[in-house]
């Protein structure tokens, strides 16, 4: 009976982690000065394990991975080991534009120049 309970607990843990891997990271997106700014919470991931790309269809794809060091014989976590987030951008990306990404304190900020954006000075 104890083996069955452990197996059920292990499977629930795996399903929980898989759920978080598809829901996380939370994303904020806004336009600022002719750029689309995307902010993603990626706490716990190393900068060198984060990948950002934009496909020809104007999709932003964020992937990240990490390994968890297991301590002892019983270790349970719901933290995602991988992230795959595809976001359809609400504006066209400027061709040959300089896209920047900065990762600081667990927050990834991506700045994407967009077509048709006009900055207007308010007086």
C-alpha atoms as a PDB file:
ATOM      1  CA  UNK A   1       0.000   0.000   0.000  1.00  0.00           C
ATOM      2  CA  UNK A   2       2.858   2.369   0.867  1.00  0.00           C
ATOM      3  CA  UNK A   3       4.351   1.838  -2.621  1.00  0.00           C
ATOM      4  CA  UNK A   4       1.048   2.803  -4.267  1.00  0.00           C
ATOM      5  CA  UNK A   5       0.762   6.011  -2.218  1.00  0.00           C
ATOM      6  CA  UNK A   6       4.354   6.968  -3.104  1.00  0.00           C
ATOM      7  CA  UNK A   7       3.735   6.296  -6.794  1.00  0.00           C
ATOM      8  CA  UNK A   8       0.550   8.396  -6.773  1.00  0.00           C
ATOM      9  CA  UNK A   9       2.426  11.236  -5.034  1.00  0.00           C
ATOM     10  CA  UNK A  10       5.261  11.034  -7.573  1.00  0.00           C
ATOM     11  CA  UNK A  11       2.837  11.145 -10.509  1.00  0.00           C
ATOM     12  CA  UNK A  12       0.902  14.104  -9.050  1.00  0.00           C
ATOM     13  CA  UNK A  13       4.212  15.918  -8.620  1.00  0.00           C
ATOM     14  CA  UNK A  14       5.134  15.262 -12.281  1.00  0.00           C
ATOM     15  CA  UNK A  15       1.722  16.445 -13.525  1.00  0.00           C
ATOM     16  CA  UNK A  16       1.957  19.593 -11.402  1.00  0.00           C
ATOM     17  CA  UNK A  17       5.394  20.399 -12.813  1.00  0.00           C
ATOM     18  CA  UNK A  18       4.180  19.769 -16.396  1.00  0.00           C
ATOM     19  CA  UNK A  19       1.241  22.113 -15.774  1.00  0.00           C
ATOM     20  CA  UNK A  20       3.540  24.879 -14.505  1.00  0.00           C
ATOM     21  CA  UNK A  21       5.889  24.406 -17.466  1.00  0.00           C
ATOM     22  CA  UNK A  22       3.066  25.363 -19.854  1.00  0.00           C
ATOM     23  CA  UNK A  23       1.522  28.175 -17.775  1.00  0.00           C
ATOM     24  CA  UNK A  24       4.666  29.837 -16.505  1.00  0.00           C
ATOM     25  CA  UNK A  25       6.196  32.327 -17.022  1.00  0.00           C
ATOM     26  CA  UNK A  26       3.718  35.114 -16.476  1.00  0.00           C
ATOM     27  CA  UNK A  27       4.148  37.750 -19.194  1.00  0.00           C
ATOM     28  CA  UNK A  28       3.492  41.487 -19.278  1.00  0.00           C
ATOM     29  CA  UNK A  29       3.574  43.279 -22.625  1.00  0.00           C
ATOM     30  CA  UNK A  30       3.288  46.968 -23.458  1.00  0.00           C
ATOM     31  CA  UNK A  31       4.319  49.488 -26.108  1.00  0.00           C
ATOM     32  CA  UNK A  32       6.828  52.194 -25.237  1.00  0.00           C
ATOM     33  CA  UNK A  33       8.614  54.611 -27.565  1.00  0.00           C
ATOM     34  CA  UNK A  34       8.181  52.597 -30.765  1.00  0.00           C
ATOM     35  CA  UNK A  35       9.084  49.318 -29.091  1.00  0.00           C
ATOM     36  CA  UNK A  36       7.105  46.400 -27.802  1.00  0.00           C
ATOM     37  CA  UNK A  37       8.368  45.559 -24.315  1.00  0.00           C
ATOM     38  CA  UNK A  38       7.874  42.011 -23.044  1.00  0.00           C
ATOM     39  CA  UNK A  39       8.582  41.249 -19.381  1.00  0.00           C
ATOM     40  CA  UNK A  40       8.738  37.615 -18.210  1.00  0.00           C
ATOM     41  CA  UNK A  41       9.333  36.259 -14.703  1.00  0.00           C
ATOM     42  CA  UNK A  42      11.995  33.549 -14.950  1.00  0.00           C
ATOM     43  CA  UNK A  43      13.242  33.335 -11.365  1.00  0.00           C
ATOM     44  CA  UNK A  44      15.683  30.522 -10.723  1.00  0.00           C
ATOM     45  CA  UNK A  45      16.907  30.110 -14.302  1.00  0.00           C
ATOM     46  CA  UNK A  46      20.505  30.859 -15.294  1.00  0.00           C
ATOM     47  CA  UNK A  47      20.998  33.498 -17.965  1.00  0.00           C
ATOM     48  CA  UNK A  48      22.962  31.061 -20.129  1.00  0.00           C
ATOM     49  CA  UNK A  49      20.014  28.612 -20.126  1.00  0.00           C
ATOM     50  CA  UNK A  50      17.497  31.159 -21.472  1.00  0.00           C
ATOM     51  CA  UNK A  51      16.856  31.374 -25.225  1.00  0.00           C
ATOM     52  CA  UNK A  52      14.815  34.073 -27.004  1.00  0.00           C
ATOM     53  CA  UNK A  53      13.905  34.112 -30.682  1.00  0.00           C
ATOM     54  CA  UNK A  54      11.353  35.588 -33.046  1.00  0.00           C
ATOM     55  CA  UNK A  55      10.010  33.496 -35.890  1.00  0.00           C
ATOM     56  CA  UNK A  56       8.956  34.746 -39.306  1.00  0.00           C
ATOM     57  CA  UNK A  57       5.310  34.630 -38.227  1.00  0.00           C
ATOM     58  CA  UNK A  58       5.890  37.327 -35.563  1.00  0.00           C
ATOM     59  CA  UNK A  59       5.891  34.818 -32.735  1.00  0.00           C
ATOM     60  CA  UNK A  60       8.156  35.401 -29.770  1.00  0.00           C
ATOM     61  CA  UNK A  61       9.489  32.144 -28.353  1.00  0.00           C
ATOM     62  CA  UNK A  62      11.069  31.978 -24.913  1.00  0.00           C
ATOM     63  CA  UNK A  63      12.667  28.744 -23.739  1.00  0.00           C
ATOM     64  CA  UNK A  64      14.620  28.015 -20.578  1.00  0.00           C
ATOM     65  CA  UNK A  65      15.853  24.957 -18.735  1.00  0.00           C
ATOM     66  CA  UNK A  66      17.426  24.059 -15.436  1.00  0.00           C
ATOM     67  CA  UNK A  67      18.486  21.068 -13.430  1.00  0.00           C
ATOM     68  CA  UNK A  68      17.495  20.560  -9.823  1.00  0.00           C
ATOM     69  CA  UNK A  69      20.041  18.987  -7.538  1.00  0.00           C
ATOM     70  CA  UNK A  70      18.258  16.371  -5.476  1.00  0.00           C
ATOM     71  CA  UNK A  71      19.113  16.316  -1.798  1.00  0.00           C
ATOM     72  CA  UNK A  72      18.497  13.090   0.097  1.00  0.00           C
ATOM     73  CA  UNK A  73      16.155  10.332  -1.005  1.00  0.00           C
ATOM     74  CA  UNK A  74      12.875  12.260  -0.813  1.00  0.00           C
ATOM     75  CA  UNK A  75      12.676  15.497  -2.715  1.00  0.00           C
ATOM     76  CA  UNK A  76       9.492  17.037  -4.085  1.00  0.00           C
ATOM     77  CA  UNK A  77       9.274  20.113  -6.239  1.00  0.00           C
ATOM     78  CA  UNK A  78       6.716  21.765  -8.463  1.00  0.00           C
ATOM     79  CA  UNK A  79       9.178  24.245  -9.914  1.00  0.00           C
ATOM     80  CA  UNK A  80       9.357  23.867 -13.686  1.00  0.00           C
ATOM     81  CA  UNK A  81      12.496  22.323 -15.126  1.00  0.00           C
ATOM     82  CA  UNK A  82      11.757  23.707 -18.606  1.00  0.00           C
ATOM     83  CA  UNK A  83       9.859  26.643 -20.003  1.00  0.00           C
ATOM     84  CA  UNK A  84       8.451  26.922 -23.517  1.00  0.00           C
ATOM     85  CA  UNK A  85       6.386  30.035 -24.097  1.00  0.00           C
ATOM     86  CA  UNK A  86       5.155  31.075 -27.554  1.00  0.00           C
ATOM     87  CA  UNK A  87       3.573  34.519 -27.751  1.00  0.00           C
ATOM     88  CA  UNK A  88       1.877  35.938 -30.841  1.00  0.00           C
ATOM     89  CA  UNK A  89       3.094  39.537 -31.029  1.00  0.00           C
ATOM     90  CA  UNK A  90       0.342  42.136 -31.521  1.00  0.00           C
ATOM     91  CA  UNK A  91       2.505  44.222 -33.890  1.00  0.00           C
ATOM     92  CA  UNK A  92       4.895  43.597 -36.794  1.00  0.00           C
ATOM     93  CA  UNK A  93       8.563  43.452 -35.919  1.00  0.00           C
ATOM     94  CA  UNK A  94      10.750  45.873 -37.902  1.00  0.00           C
ATOM     95  CA  UNK A  95      12.953  44.033 -40.384  1.00  0.00           C
ATOM     96  CA  UNK A  96      16.651  43.945 -39.428  1.00  0.00           C
ATOM     97  CA  UNK A  97      15.903  45.659 -36.137  1.00  0.00           C
ATOM     98  CA  UNK A  98      18.042  45.504 -33.004  1.00  0.00           C
ATOM     99  CA  UNK A  99      16.118  43.388 -30.491  1.00  0.00           C
ATOM    100  CA  UNK A 100      17.543  43.437 -26.980  1.00  0.00           C
ATOM    101  CA  UNK A 101      17.008  41.172 -23.987  1.00  0.00           C
ATOM    102  CA  UNK A 102      18.150  41.798 -20.433  1.00  0.00           C
ATOM    103  CA  UNK A 103      17.935  39.316 -17.558  1.00  0.00           C
ATOM    104  CA  UNK A 104      18.204  40.788 -14.088  1.00  0.00           C
ATOM    105  CA  UNK A 105      17.002  39.538 -10.692  1.00  0.00           C
ATOM    106  CA  UNK A 106      14.943  36.744 -12.270  1.00  0.00           C
ATOM    107  CA  UNK A 107      13.145  39.057 -14.716  1.00  0.00           C
ATOM    108  CA  UNK A 108      13.674  38.904 -18.480  1.00  0.00           C
ATOM    109  CA  UNK A 109      12.939  42.151 -20.356  1.00  0.00           C
ATOM    110  CA  UNK A 110      12.825  42.035 -24.158  1.00  0.00           C
ATOM    111  CA  UNK A 111      12.609  45.204 -26.261  1.00  0.00           C
ATOM    112  CA  UNK A 112      11.390  44.734 -29.835  1.00  0.00           C
ATOM    113  CA  UNK A 113      11.209  47.634 -32.339  1.00  0.00           C
ATOM    114  CA  UNK A 114       7.873  47.494 -34.178  1.00  0.00           C
ATOM    115  CA  UNK A 115       6.707  48.762 -37.579  1.00  0.00           C
ATOM    116  CA  UNK A 116       4.354  51.693 -37.829  1.00  0.00           C
ATOM    117  CA  UNK A 117       5.098  53.004 -34.351  1.00  0.00           C
ATOM    118  CA  UNK A 118       5.271  56.764 -34.151  1.00  0.00           C
ATOM    119  CA  UNK A 119       6.350  58.598 -31.047  1.00  0.00           C
ATOM    120  CA  UNK A 120       4.401  61.790 -30.384  1.00  0.00           C
ATOM    121  CA  UNK A 121       5.646  64.350 -27.915  1.00  0.00           C
ATOM    122  CA  UNK A 122       2.922  65.543 -25.583  1.00  0.00           C
ATOM    123  CA  UNK A 123       3.189  69.204 -24.582  1.00  0.00           C
END
